[in-house]
Protein backbone atom coordinates (compact mmCIF):
# COMPACT_ATOMS: atom_id res chain seq x y z
CA UNK A 1 60.79 23.10 -129.97
CA UNK A 2 63.74 20.61 -128.93
CA UNK A 3 63.67 22.16 -125.21
CA UNK A 4 59.65 21.42 -124.88
CA UNK A 5 59.99 17.87 -125.84
CA UNK A 6 63.17 17.43 -123.52
CA UNK A 7 60.90 18.61 -120.67
CA UNK A 8 58.09 16.66 -121.84
CA UNK A 9 60.22 13.31 -122.35
CA UNK A 10 61.56 14.30 -118.20
CA UNK A 11 58.01 14.61 -116.85
CA UNK A 12 57.08 11.63 -118.37
CA UNK A 13 59.99 9.84 -116.85
CA UNK A 14 59.06 10.97 -113.54
CA UNK A 15 55.48 9.99 -114.02
CA UNK A 16 56.44 6.80 -114.84
CA UNK A 17 58.33 5.78 -111.96
CA UNK A 18 55.58 7.10 -109.68
CA UNK A 19 53.73 4.61 -111.48
CA UNK A 20 56.11 1.87 -111.55
CA UNK A 21 57.09 2.93 -107.26
CA UNK A 22 52.74 2.94 -106.70
CA UNK A 23 52.82 -0.47 -108.99
CA UNK A 24 55.00 -1.61 -106.37
CA UNK A 25 53.50 -1.37 -103.60
CA UNK A 26 50.47 -2.30 -104.36
CA UNK A 27 52.63 -5.58 -105.08
CA UNK A 28 54.16 -5.94 -101.87
CA UNK A 29 50.71 -4.99 -99.91
CA UNK A 30 49.38 -8.06 -102.42
CA UNK A 31 52.17 -10.42 -101.30
CA UNK A 32 51.96 -9.34 -97.30
CA UNK A 33 48.53 -10.48 -97.70
CA UNK A 34 48.87 -13.94 -99.28
CA UNK A 35 51.69 -14.25 -96.37
CA UNK A 36 48.96 -13.50 -94.07
CA UNK A 37 47.08 -15.60 -95.58
CA UNK A 38 49.12 -18.34 -95.85
CA UNK A 39 49.83 -17.97 -91.78
CA UNK A 40 46.28 -17.28 -90.84
CA UNK A 41 45.73 -20.80 -92.92
CA UNK A 42 48.15 -22.67 -91.60
CA UNK A 43 46.87 -21.79 -87.54
CA UNK A 44 43.67 -22.64 -88.76
CA UNK A 45 44.39 -26.23 -90.05
CA UNK A 46 46.58 -26.58 -86.19
CA UNK A 47 44.31 -25.49 -84.34
CA UNK A 48 41.41 -28.27 -86.59
CA UNK A 49 43.54 -30.70 -86.03
CA UNK A 50 44.65 -30.76 -82.15
CA UNK A 51 40.52 -29.92 -82.09
CA UNK A 52 40.00 -32.99 -83.40
CA UNK A 53 42.77 -34.82 -82.03
CA UNK A 54 40.94 -33.82 -79.49
CA UNK A 55 38.31 -35.57 -79.78
CA UNK A 56 39.39 -38.89 -80.75
CA UNK A 57 41.20 -39.42 -77.23
CA UNK A 58 37.87 -38.08 -75.94
CA UNK A 59 35.83 -40.20 -78.46
CA UNK A 60 38.75 -43.18 -76.94
CA UNK A 61 38.34 -42.01 -73.49
CA UNK A 62 34.63 -42.43 -73.55
CA UNK A 63 34.62 -46.13 -75.55
CA UNK A 64 36.64 -47.18 -72.01
CA UNK A 65 34.56 -46.41 -69.51
CA UNK A 66 31.23 -48.05 -71.64
CA UNK A 67 33.15 -50.68 -71.64
CA UNK A 68 34.42 -50.04 -68.00
CA UNK A 69 30.43 -49.39 -67.15
CA UNK A 70 29.04 -52.21 -69.53
CA UNK A 71 31.45 -55.15 -67.09
CA UNK A 72 30.53 -53.51 -63.88
CA UNK A 73 26.45 -53.58 -64.96
CA UNK A 74 26.81 -57.01 -66.73
CA UNK A 75 28.62 -58.37 -62.86
CA UNK A 76 25.87 -56.63 -60.96
CA UNK A 77 23.10 -58.10 -62.99
CA UNK A 78 25.07 -61.91 -62.29
CA UNK A 79 25.31 -60.71 -58.72
CA UNK A 80 21.84 -59.44 -58.52
CA UNK A 81 20.76 -63.19 -59.88
CA UNK A 82 23.09 -65.01 -57.53
CA UNK A 83 20.97 -63.29 -54.60
CA UNK A 84 16.98 -63.54 -55.67
CA UNK A 85 18.12 -66.68 -56.81
CA UNK A 86 19.37 -67.21 -53.37
CA UNK A 87 16.06 -65.72 -51.82
CA UNK A 88 13.87 -68.22 -53.47
CA UNK A 89 16.04 -71.35 -52.38
CA UNK A 90 15.54 -69.67 -48.22
CA UNK A 91 11.93 -68.97 -49.17
CA UNK A 92 12.08 -65.30 -48.64
CA UNK A 93 9.28 -63.76 -50.21
CA UNK A 94 7.71 -59.88 -49.27
CA UNK A 95 3.97 -59.14 -49.46
CA UNK A 96 3.48 -56.56 -51.96
CA UNK A 97 1.02 -54.71 -49.68
CA UNK A 98 3.99 -54.03 -47.32
CA UNK A 99 6.33 -53.36 -49.07
CA UNK A 100 7.74 -49.27 -49.85
CA UNK A 101 8.54 -47.53 -52.51
CA UNK A 102 11.47 -45.68 -52.98
CA UNK A 103 12.14 -42.72 -55.38
CA UNK A 104 15.66 -41.36 -56.14
CA UNK A 105 16.56 -38.18 -55.31
CA UNK A 106 17.83 -36.99 -58.49
CA UNK A 107 20.93 -34.38 -58.46
CA UNK A 108 22.06 -32.07 -61.24
CA UNK A 109 24.43 -30.16 -62.75
CA UNK A 110 26.76 -31.65 -60.89
CA UNK A 111 30.73 -32.08 -62.80
CA UNK A 112 32.10 -34.77 -64.42
CA UNK A 113 34.32 -35.47 -61.45
CA UNK A 114 32.20 -34.70 -58.63
CA UNK A 115 29.53 -36.96 -59.49
CA UNK A 116 31.96 -40.07 -60.12
CA UNK A 117 34.25 -40.01 -56.71
CA UNK A 118 30.48 -39.61 -55.83
CA UNK A 119 29.72 -42.57 -57.30
CA UNK A 120 32.75 -44.64 -56.32
CA UNK A 121 32.55 -43.33 -52.52
CA UNK A 122 28.95 -44.72 -52.56
CA UNK A 123 28.71 -47.67 -54.92
CA UNK A 124 27.47 -49.88 -52.69
CA UNK A 125 24.56 -47.65 -51.41
CA UNK A 126 22.57 -45.37 -52.82
CA UNK A 127 20.92 -42.58 -51.55
CA UNK A 128 16.89 -43.57 -51.49
CA UNK A 129 13.96 -42.01 -50.08
CA UNK A 130 10.69 -44.30 -48.95
CA UNK A 131 7.84 -42.52 -49.76
CA UNK A 132 4.86 -44.47 -47.72
CA UNK A 133 1.64 -41.34 -47.87
CA UNK A 134 0.38 -41.17 -51.72
CA UNK A 135 0.27 -37.66 -51.31
CA UNK A 136 3.60 -36.89 -49.90
CA UNK A 137 4.56 -38.74 -52.84
CA UNK A 138 3.06 -36.66 -55.50
CA UNK A 139 3.69 -33.06 -53.74
CA UNK A 140 7.24 -34.81 -53.64
CA UNK A 141 7.44 -35.47 -57.55
CA UNK A 142 6.08 -31.75 -58.25
CA UNK A 143 8.77 -30.11 -56.34
CA UNK A 144 11.43 -32.63 -57.80
CA UNK A 145 11.14 -31.24 -61.61
CA UNK A 146 14.47 -31.60 -63.42
CA UNK A 147 16.29 -28.74 -64.20
CA UNK A 148 16.36 -27.24 -67.99
CA UNK A 149 20.45 -28.69 -68.35
CA UNK A 150 22.49 -26.08 -70.25
CA UNK A 151 24.46 -27.40 -73.41
CA UNK A 152 28.28 -27.78 -73.71
CA UNK A 153 28.02 -24.03 -75.43
CA UNK A 154 26.15 -22.58 -72.59
CA UNK A 155 28.08 -23.81 -69.58
CA UNK A 156 31.09 -22.37 -71.14
CA UNK A 157 30.01 -19.24 -72.35
CA UNK A 158 27.73 -19.37 -69.02
CA UNK A 159 31.20 -19.96 -67.05
CA UNK A 160 33.56 -17.12 -69.48
CA UNK A 161 30.83 -14.96 -69.05
CA UNK A 162 31.12 -15.85 -65.09
CA UNK A 163 34.89 -14.39 -64.90
CA UNK A 164 36.98 -17.53 -65.34
CA UNK A 165 39.68 -18.04 -67.75
CA UNK A 166 39.88 -20.62 -70.39
CA UNK A 167 42.31 -22.41 -68.24
CA UNK A 168 40.03 -23.24 -65.69
CA UNK A 169 36.62 -23.82 -68.33
CA UNK A 170 38.56 -26.46 -69.13
CA UNK A 171 39.51 -28.41 -66.05
CA UNK A 172 35.74 -27.84 -64.82
CA UNK A 173 34.93 -29.39 -67.94
CA UNK A 174 37.15 -32.19 -68.28
CA UNK A 175 37.72 -30.60 -72.37
CA UNK A 176 40.74 -29.81 -74.02
CA UNK A 177 42.30 -26.03 -73.61
CA UNK A 178 41.95 -25.47 -77.76
CA UNK A 179 37.80 -26.82 -77.31
CA UNK A 180 37.29 -24.35 -75.13
CA UNK A 181 38.81 -21.52 -77.09
CA UNK A 182 37.68 -22.96 -80.41
CA UNK A 183 34.30 -22.27 -79.27
CA UNK A 184 34.42 -19.55 -77.91
CA UNK A 185 35.53 -18.17 -81.19
CA UNK A 186 32.89 -19.39 -83.00
CA UNK A 187 30.63 -18.36 -80.70
CA UNK A 188 31.68 -14.32 -81.60
């Protein structure tokens, strides 16, 4: 009788140690998961913080560019006012029937830096086509229809599918690498 009780107590003690070990491993797994979740939370916080900092910098740059454009436009308007008053003073007036219409040929899907360089190089002259025949003008307007402009997300996806790296995409679109990475991650 005493031997059976001792055997029963020994088995109970072994089982209790086994369950204690199981509980300890589960607790350690939960602690590991908690640490990894904390690390992921910190990474997301840093990524979003970097994204917001880049957005703030981009917004500041945009505001500066808009103010510069506004100043340039005001200067250009003032110059136009001075030239029109000089023309009126000199008495130079053109007949409305002989005046030719000008159609500006649009350019689409150019990277921003290419368009800015072209604008700076040709700031004094604007590319125009003079149209004398109405039927030719109608054909021209049908041929030169605006293409569907891609959103930033679509442009990034197309470039990424085309084999471009994140660095190359960021340079082409003049965006931050973190912004491109986040947009690609959110798309998947």
